[in-house]
Amino acid sequence: MTTDTLSPRTPGKPRSTMPREVVRRRRYGGHVWHPSLGSGPLPRVLTLLALALMTVVWLVPFGWGVDTSFKTEVDASASGVDWIPKAGFTLDAYRTIFGQGNLPVWAVNSVVIAVCVTAITVAISAMAAYAFSRTLFRGRRVLFAVTVASIMVPPQILIVPLFRQMLAMNLVDTYAAVILPQVVAPAMVFILKKFFDGVPRELEEAARIDGAGSFRVFWSVVLPLSRPILAAVAIFVFINTWNNFLWPFISTSDPQLMTLPVGLSTVKDSTGLRNAQESAASILGSIPLLIVFMLFQRQIVKSVATTGLGGQ
């Protein structure tokens, strides 16, 4: 076992036999510093500079959108880059959206649809992934290959068949028409299946010896061990469902069933200029996701880091 050589040995004191990684975890507050760029302060400075540059690249467009939402339509449509508008800042874009739209109903619809899609998708994907990982049946590899291959199918190709299917089932302009086509997520099945492959089979065998059935093993043994990956999948599905515009826009025409992205797109100004309103609508639509990220930031980072989805 590699011993600690991170600090010089004090004369008369035996060298520590503590593993190097344990020493690093204690030294960096529970986190491990991987000197992939080399040791010393220079790699850290370069890393921090790269992170700061990427942060600025992301924040500048977002700041420009916030700034544009507080402009008049004339200033928002003017050429050039002016952070301070000539006519001053105004709340006209937000007043138009709140005055002409039905924001509370759209927000409730988005929450209901996103939560339902997330819950159903996680349940279906987990059961399908566990079946692929543990169940042996004829054609399992072919079916799993088809599932993985369906990830490469663009969702836009399925819009017409899905709409015709919802129309034949008389589900158009219902919550079911918006929710059901979104619960199929082959990518999530693939991610969960790879995680289940790494769960020790000895734990399941011990539960079976105690008399547990397949579903009991799945519910009481596998799922508790899979909380990080389940949290990651739930977060990804929730964000994707919340931001989905195309399918809710096609499957619903009733304003009382519109989601927040679809409803905000219907707010129009009589002048035809909508740059400020579009920016304001984008900001309003992103506020719930920002709140979710701020509340669950630690869980999001932990779920991505501990499930191998962060490139580790």
Protein backbone atom coordinates (compact mmCIF):
# COMPACT_ATOMS: atom_id res chain seq x y z
CA MET A 1 0.00 0.00 0.00
CA THR A 2 1.32 3.46 -0.90
CA THR A 3 2.15 5.45 2.21
CA ASP A 4 1.79 9.15 2.78
CA THR A 5 4.62 11.16 1.20
CA LEU A 6 2.74 14.43 0.94
CA SER A 7 4.55 16.05 3.89
CA PRO A 8 8.12 15.68 5.12
CA ARG A 9 8.69 13.30 7.97
CA THR A 10 9.49 14.81 11.36
CA PRO A 11 12.82 13.53 12.73
CA GLY A 12 12.25 10.89 15.33
CA LYS A 13 8.65 10.32 14.25
CA PRO A 14 7.77 7.22 12.21
CA ARG A 15 6.45 7.76 8.72
CA SER A 16 2.66 7.57 8.51
CA THR A 17 1.24 4.41 7.02
CA MET A 18 -2.04 6.14 6.19
CA PRO A 19 -3.03 5.72 2.53
CA ARG A 20 -2.30 8.72 0.34
CA GLU A 21 -5.95 9.15 -0.70
CA VAL A 22 -7.12 9.28 2.94
CA VAL A 23 -4.56 11.99 3.65
CA ARG A 24 -5.78 13.96 0.63
CA ARG A 25 -9.39 13.66 1.75
CA ARG A 26 -8.53 15.01 5.20
CA ARG A 27 -6.37 17.76 3.79
CA TYR A 28 -8.94 19.03 1.27
CA GLY A 29 -12.01 18.84 3.49
CA GLY A 30 -13.33 15.46 2.35
CA HIS A 31 -12.61 16.02 -1.36
CA VAL A 32 -9.76 14.52 -3.30
CA TRP A 33 -7.53 16.78 -5.34
CA HIS A 34 -6.40 14.91 -8.42
CA PRO A 35 -3.27 16.60 -9.78
CA SER A 36 -3.99 15.63 -13.38
CA LEU A 37 -2.24 18.80 -14.60
CA GLY A 38 0.69 18.38 -12.26
CA SER A 39 1.45 19.47 -8.73
CA GLY A 40 2.01 23.00 -7.52
CA PRO A 41 -0.01 26.23 -7.58
CA LEU A 42 0.19 26.80 -11.35
CA PRO A 43 -2.22 23.96 -12.32
CA ARG A 44 -4.74 25.20 -9.77
CA VAL A 45 -4.50 28.76 -11.07
CA LEU A 46 -4.96 27.58 -14.66
CA THR A 47 -7.95 25.46 -13.61
CA LEU A 48 -9.58 28.37 -11.78
CA LEU A 49 -8.98 30.67 -14.74
CA ALA A 50 -10.57 28.16 -17.12
CA LEU A 51 -13.58 27.77 -14.81
CA ALA A 52 -13.91 31.54 -14.50
CA LEU A 53 -13.79 31.92 -18.29
CA MET A 54 -16.50 29.30 -18.78
CA THR A 55 -18.61 30.99 -16.09
CA VAL A 56 -18.35 34.34 -17.86
CA VAL A 57 -19.20 32.75 -21.21
CA TRP A 58 -22.39 31.32 -19.66
CA LEU A 59 -23.37 34.36 -17.57
CA VAL A 60 -22.97 37.05 -20.24
CA PRO A 61 -25.83 35.76 -22.48
CA PHE A 62 -28.00 35.21 -19.41
CA GLY A 63 -27.26 38.72 -18.18
CA TRP A 64 -28.03 40.10 -21.62
CA GLY A 65 -31.41 38.34 -21.57
CA VAL A 66 -32.22 39.78 -18.14
CA ASP A 67 -31.15 43.24 -19.30
CA THR A 68 -33.25 42.99 -22.47
CA SER A 69 -36.35 41.98 -20.51
CA PHE A 70 -36.29 45.36 -18.71
CA LYS A 71 -36.04 47.39 -21.93
CA THR A 72 -38.72 48.87 -24.13
CA GLU A 73 -39.39 47.04 -27.37
CA VAL A 74 -37.76 49.87 -29.33
CA ASP A 75 -34.54 49.68 -27.31
CA ALA A 76 -34.60 45.88 -27.34
CA SER A 77 -34.84 45.84 -31.14
CA ALA A 78 -32.18 48.49 -31.71
CA SER A 79 -28.90 47.49 -33.31
CA GLY A 80 -25.74 47.48 -31.28
CA VAL A 81 -24.95 46.36 -27.77
CA ASP A 82 -26.30 48.78 -25.17
CA TRP A 83 -26.53 47.47 -21.65
CA ILE A 84 -28.13 50.71 -20.47
CA PRO A 85 -31.17 51.53 -22.65
CA LYS A 86 -31.76 55.06 -23.86
CA ALA A 87 -35.36 55.13 -22.60
CA GLY A 88 -34.38 53.64 -19.25
CA PHE A 89 -35.43 50.38 -17.69
CA THR A 90 -39.10 49.44 -17.60
CA LEU A 91 -41.39 46.60 -16.54
CA ASP A 92 -43.64 46.86 -19.60
CA ALA A 93 -42.67 43.41 -20.91
CA TYR A 94 -43.52 41.75 -17.61
CA ARG A 95 -46.78 43.73 -17.30
CA THR A 96 -47.81 42.54 -20.78
CA ILE A 97 -47.10 38.91 -19.95
CA PHE A 98 -48.95 39.01 -16.64
CA GLY A 99 -51.80 41.05 -18.12
CA GLN A 100 -52.46 39.06 -21.29
CA GLY A 101 -51.53 35.58 -20.08
CA ASN A 102 -52.74 33.11 -17.51
CA LEU A 103 -49.45 32.59 -15.73
CA PRO A 104 -50.65 30.76 -12.56
CA VAL A 105 -52.55 28.13 -14.58
CA TRP A 106 -49.62 27.55 -16.91
CA ALA A 107 -47.22 27.22 -13.98
CA VAL A 108 -49.47 24.68 -12.23
CA ASN A 109 -49.80 22.69 -15.47
CA SER A 110 -46.03 22.63 -15.89
CA VAL A 111 -45.51 21.43 -12.32
CA VAL A 112 -48.17 18.71 -12.58
CA ILE A 113 -46.94 17.45 -15.96
CA ALA A 114 -43.25 17.56 -15.01
CA VAL A 115 -43.81 15.73 -11.72
CA CYS A 116 -46.02 13.06 -13.32
CA VAL A 117 -43.64 12.47 -16.22
CA THR A 118 -40.68 12.26 -13.84
CA ALA A 119 -42.34 9.78 -11.49
CA ILE A 120 -43.65 7.52 -14.25
CA THR A 121 -40.42 7.67 -16.26
CA VAL A 122 -38.24 6.78 -13.27
CA ALA A 123 -40.53 3.88 -12.33
CA ILE A 124 -40.75 2.43 -15.85
CA SER A 125 -37.07 2.96 -16.64
CA ALA A 126 -35.94 1.39 -13.35
CA MET A 127 -38.07 -1.72 -13.83
CA ALA A 128 -37.02 -2.10 -17.46
CA ALA A 129 -33.35 -1.59 -16.62
CA TYR A 130 -33.50 -4.14 -13.78
CA ALA A 131 -35.15 -6.65 -16.12
CA PHE A 132 -32.39 -6.18 -18.69
CA SER A 133 -29.73 -6.46 -16.00
CA ARG A 134 -30.95 -9.47 -14.04
CA THR A 135 -33.57 -11.36 -16.06
CA LEU A 136 -32.55 -13.92 -18.68
CA PHE A 137 -35.05 -14.39 -21.50
CA ARG A 138 -34.95 -15.12 -25.20
CA GLY A 139 -34.11 -12.06 -27.27
CA ARG A 140 -32.88 -9.99 -24.32
CA ARG A 141 -29.77 -8.74 -26.10
CA VAL A 142 -31.66 -7.89 -29.27
CA LEU A 143 -34.34 -6.01 -27.34
CA PHE A 144 -31.73 -4.10 -25.37
CA ALA A 145 -29.86 -3.26 -28.59
CA VAL A 146 -33.10 -1.91 -30.09
CA THR A 147 -33.67 0.14 -26.93
CA VAL A 148 -30.19 1.66 -27.14
CA ALA A 149 -30.53 2.26 -30.89
CA SER A 150 -33.78 4.17 -30.32
CA ILE A 151 -31.76 6.84 -28.53
CA MET A 152 -30.45 7.94 -31.91
CA VAL A 153 -33.96 8.47 -33.33
CA PRO A 154 -34.77 12.21 -33.42
CA PRO A 155 -37.93 12.96 -31.39
CA GLN A 156 -39.30 15.12 -34.22
CA ILE A 157 -39.73 12.03 -36.40
CA LEU A 158 -42.21 10.57 -33.90
CA ILE A 159 -44.44 13.63 -33.62
CA VAL A 160 -46.88 12.70 -36.38
CA PRO A 161 -47.31 9.03 -35.32
CA LEU A 162 -47.72 10.03 -31.69
CA PHE A 163 -50.28 12.71 -32.52
CA ARG A 164 -52.28 10.32 -34.67
CA GLN A 165 -52.18 7.78 -31.85
CA MET A 166 -53.41 10.35 -29.30
CA LEU A 167 -56.10 11.43 -31.76
CA ALA A 168 -57.29 7.85 -32.25
CA MET A 169 -57.49 7.39 -28.49
CA ASN A 170 -59.41 10.67 -28.03
CA LEU A 171 -56.73 12.00 -25.73
CA VAL A 172 -55.91 15.25 -27.51
CA ASP A 173 -56.24 18.29 -25.24
CA THR A 174 -55.85 16.21 -22.10
CA TYR A 175 -53.11 15.77 -19.54
CA ALA A 176 -52.65 12.20 -20.72
CA ALA A 177 -51.77 13.37 -24.24
CA VAL A 178 -48.97 15.53 -22.87
CA ILE A 179 -47.68 13.06 -20.26
CA LEU A 180 -47.81 9.59 -21.82
CA PRO A 181 -45.58 10.14 -24.90
CA GLN A 182 -42.88 11.65 -22.68
CA VAL A 183 -42.52 8.76 -20.23
CA VAL A 184 -40.51 6.60 -22.64
CA ALA A 185 -36.82 7.38 -22.08
CA PRO A 186 -34.42 4.81 -23.60
CA ALA A 187 -31.39 6.82 -22.48
CA MET A 188 -32.49 6.56 -18.85
CA VAL A 189 -33.01 2.79 -19.25
CA PHE A 190 -29.45 2.47 -20.54
CA ILE A 191 -27.99 4.53 -17.67
CA LEU A 192 -29.90 2.61 -15.01
CA LYS A 193 -29.07 -0.75 -16.57
CA LYS A 194 -25.35 0.00 -16.45
CA PHE A 195 -25.68 1.00 -12.81
CA PHE A 196 -27.65 -2.13 -11.88
CA ASP A 197 -24.95 -4.25 -13.50
CA GLY A 198 -22.56 -3.00 -10.83
CA VAL A 199 -24.81 -3.83 -7.87
CA PRO A 200 -23.37 -6.89 -6.05
CA ARG A 201 -25.45 -9.95 -6.75
CA GLU A 202 -24.53 -11.37 -3.35
CA LEU A 203 -26.90 -8.92 -1.69
CA GLU A 204 -29.78 -10.10 -3.84
CA GLU A 205 -28.91 -13.75 -3.24
CA ALA A 206 -28.91 -13.17 0.51
CA ALA A 207 -32.37 -11.60 0.28
CA ARG A 208 -33.64 -14.53 -1.78
CA ILE A 209 -32.34 -16.96 0.82
CA ASP A 210 -34.45 -15.11 3.37
CA GLY A 211 -37.50 -15.74 1.19
CA ALA A 212 -37.75 -12.47 -0.74
CA GLY A 213 -39.23 -12.58 -4.22
CA SER A 214 -38.00 -10.76 -7.31
CA PHE A 215 -40.06 -7.62 -6.72
CA ARG A 216 -39.17 -7.60 -3.02
CA VAL A 217 -35.48 -7.79 -3.89
CA PHE A 218 -35.87 -5.01 -6.41
CA TRP A 219 -37.84 -2.78 -4.02
CA SER A 220 -36.00 -3.41 -0.75
CA VAL A 221 -32.44 -4.13 -1.87
CA VAL A 222 -31.68 -2.67 -5.30
CA LEU A 223 -33.62 0.61 -5.15
CA PRO A 224 -32.19 1.77 -1.78
CA LEU A 225 -28.70 1.20 -3.17
CA SER A 226 -29.60 3.15 -6.32
CA ARG A 227 -30.73 6.41 -4.75
CA PRO A 228 -27.91 8.51 -6.30
CA ILE A 229 -28.58 7.33 -9.86
CA LEU A 230 -32.34 7.56 -9.38
CA ALA A 231 -31.94 11.15 -8.18
CA ALA A 232 -29.79 11.97 -11.21
CA VAL A 233 -32.30 10.43 -13.62
CA ALA A 234 -35.20 12.23 -11.92
CA ILE A 235 -33.41 15.57 -12.18
CA PHE A 236 -32.59 15.11 -15.86
CA VAL A 237 -36.13 14.02 -16.72
CA PHE A 238 -37.71 16.87 -14.75
CA ILE A 239 -35.58 19.54 -16.42
CA ASN A 240 -36.15 18.08 -19.90
CA THR A 241 -39.92 17.87 -19.33
CA TRP A 242 -40.14 21.39 -17.95
CA ASN A 243 -38.29 22.83 -20.94
CA ASN A 244 -40.15 20.74 -23.52
CA PHE A 245 -42.04 23.02 -25.87
CA LEU A 246 -42.71 21.15 -29.10
CA TRP A 247 -44.87 18.24 -27.93
CA PRO A 248 -47.06 20.21 -25.45
CA PHE A 249 -47.52 22.83 -28.16
CA ILE A 250 -48.75 20.22 -30.66
CA SER A 251 -50.85 18.06 -28.34
CA THR A 252 -52.82 20.87 -26.68
CA SER A 253 -54.76 23.87 -27.94
CA ASP A 254 -56.76 24.58 -24.78
CA PRO A 255 -55.20 27.55 -22.91
CA GLN A 256 -56.16 25.91 -19.62
CA LEU A 257 -53.90 22.93 -20.42
CA MET A 258 -50.87 24.80 -21.75
CA THR A 259 -47.54 24.53 -19.99
CA LEU A 260 -45.48 27.56 -19.08
CA PRO A 261 -43.21 27.56 -22.19
CA VAL A 262 -46.21 27.13 -24.52
CA GLY A 263 -48.37 29.67 -22.73
CA LEU A 264 -45.68 32.34 -22.65
CA SER A 265 -45.19 31.97 -26.40
CA THR A 266 -48.82 32.92 -27.03
CA VAL A 267 -48.50 36.35 -25.43
CA LYS A 268 -48.24 38.87 -28.26
CA ASP A 269 -47.95 42.61 -28.55
CA SER A 270 -49.99 44.67 -30.99
CA THR A 271 -46.85 46.36 -32.32
CA GLY A 272 -45.34 43.08 -33.46
CA LEU A 273 -42.07 43.77 -31.62
CA ARG A 274 -41.52 41.11 -29.00
CA ASN A 275 -37.80 40.96 -28.19
CA ALA A 276 -38.27 42.28 -24.67
CA GLN A 277 -41.31 40.08 -24.09
CA GLU A 278 -39.52 36.97 -25.32
CA SER A 279 -36.63 37.70 -22.98
CA ALA A 280 -39.02 38.28 -20.09
CA ALA A 281 -40.86 35.06 -20.90
CA SER A 282 -37.57 33.14 -20.97
CA ILE A 283 -36.57 34.57 -17.61
CA LEU A 284 -39.93 33.69 -16.06
CA GLY A 285 -39.73 30.18 -17.45
CA SER A 286 -36.25 29.63 -16.04
CA ILE A 287 -36.96 30.94 -12.53
CA PRO A 288 -38.53 27.64 -11.28
CA LEU A 289 -35.55 25.64 -12.55
CA LEU A 290 -33.15 28.07 -10.87
CA ILE A 291 -35.05 27.67 -7.61
CA VAL A 292 -34.94 23.87 -7.93
CA PHE A 293 -31.20 23.98 -8.61
CA MET A 294 -30.55 26.29 -5.63
CA LEU A 295 -32.56 24.05 -3.29
CA PHE A 296 -31.10 20.76 -4.51
CA GLN A 297 -27.66 21.90 -5.66
CA ARG A 298 -25.80 19.54 -3.34
CA GLN A 299 -27.96 16.57 -4.31
CA ILE A 300 -27.56 17.36 -8.02
CA VAL A 301 -23.77 17.56 -7.84
CA LYS A 302 -23.54 14.48 -5.63
CA SER A 303 -25.82 12.41 -7.85
CA VAL A 304 -23.86 13.28 -10.98
CA ALA A 305 -20.45 12.79 -9.33
CA THR A 306 -21.24 9.45 -7.67
CA THR A 307 -22.92 7.78 -10.65
CA GLY A 308 -20.22 8.26 -13.25
CA LEU A 309 -22.25 10.79 -15.25
CA GLY A 310 -19.73 13.52 -14.59
CA GLY A 311 -16.96 11.94 -16.60
CA GLN A 312 -15.42 10.06 -13.67
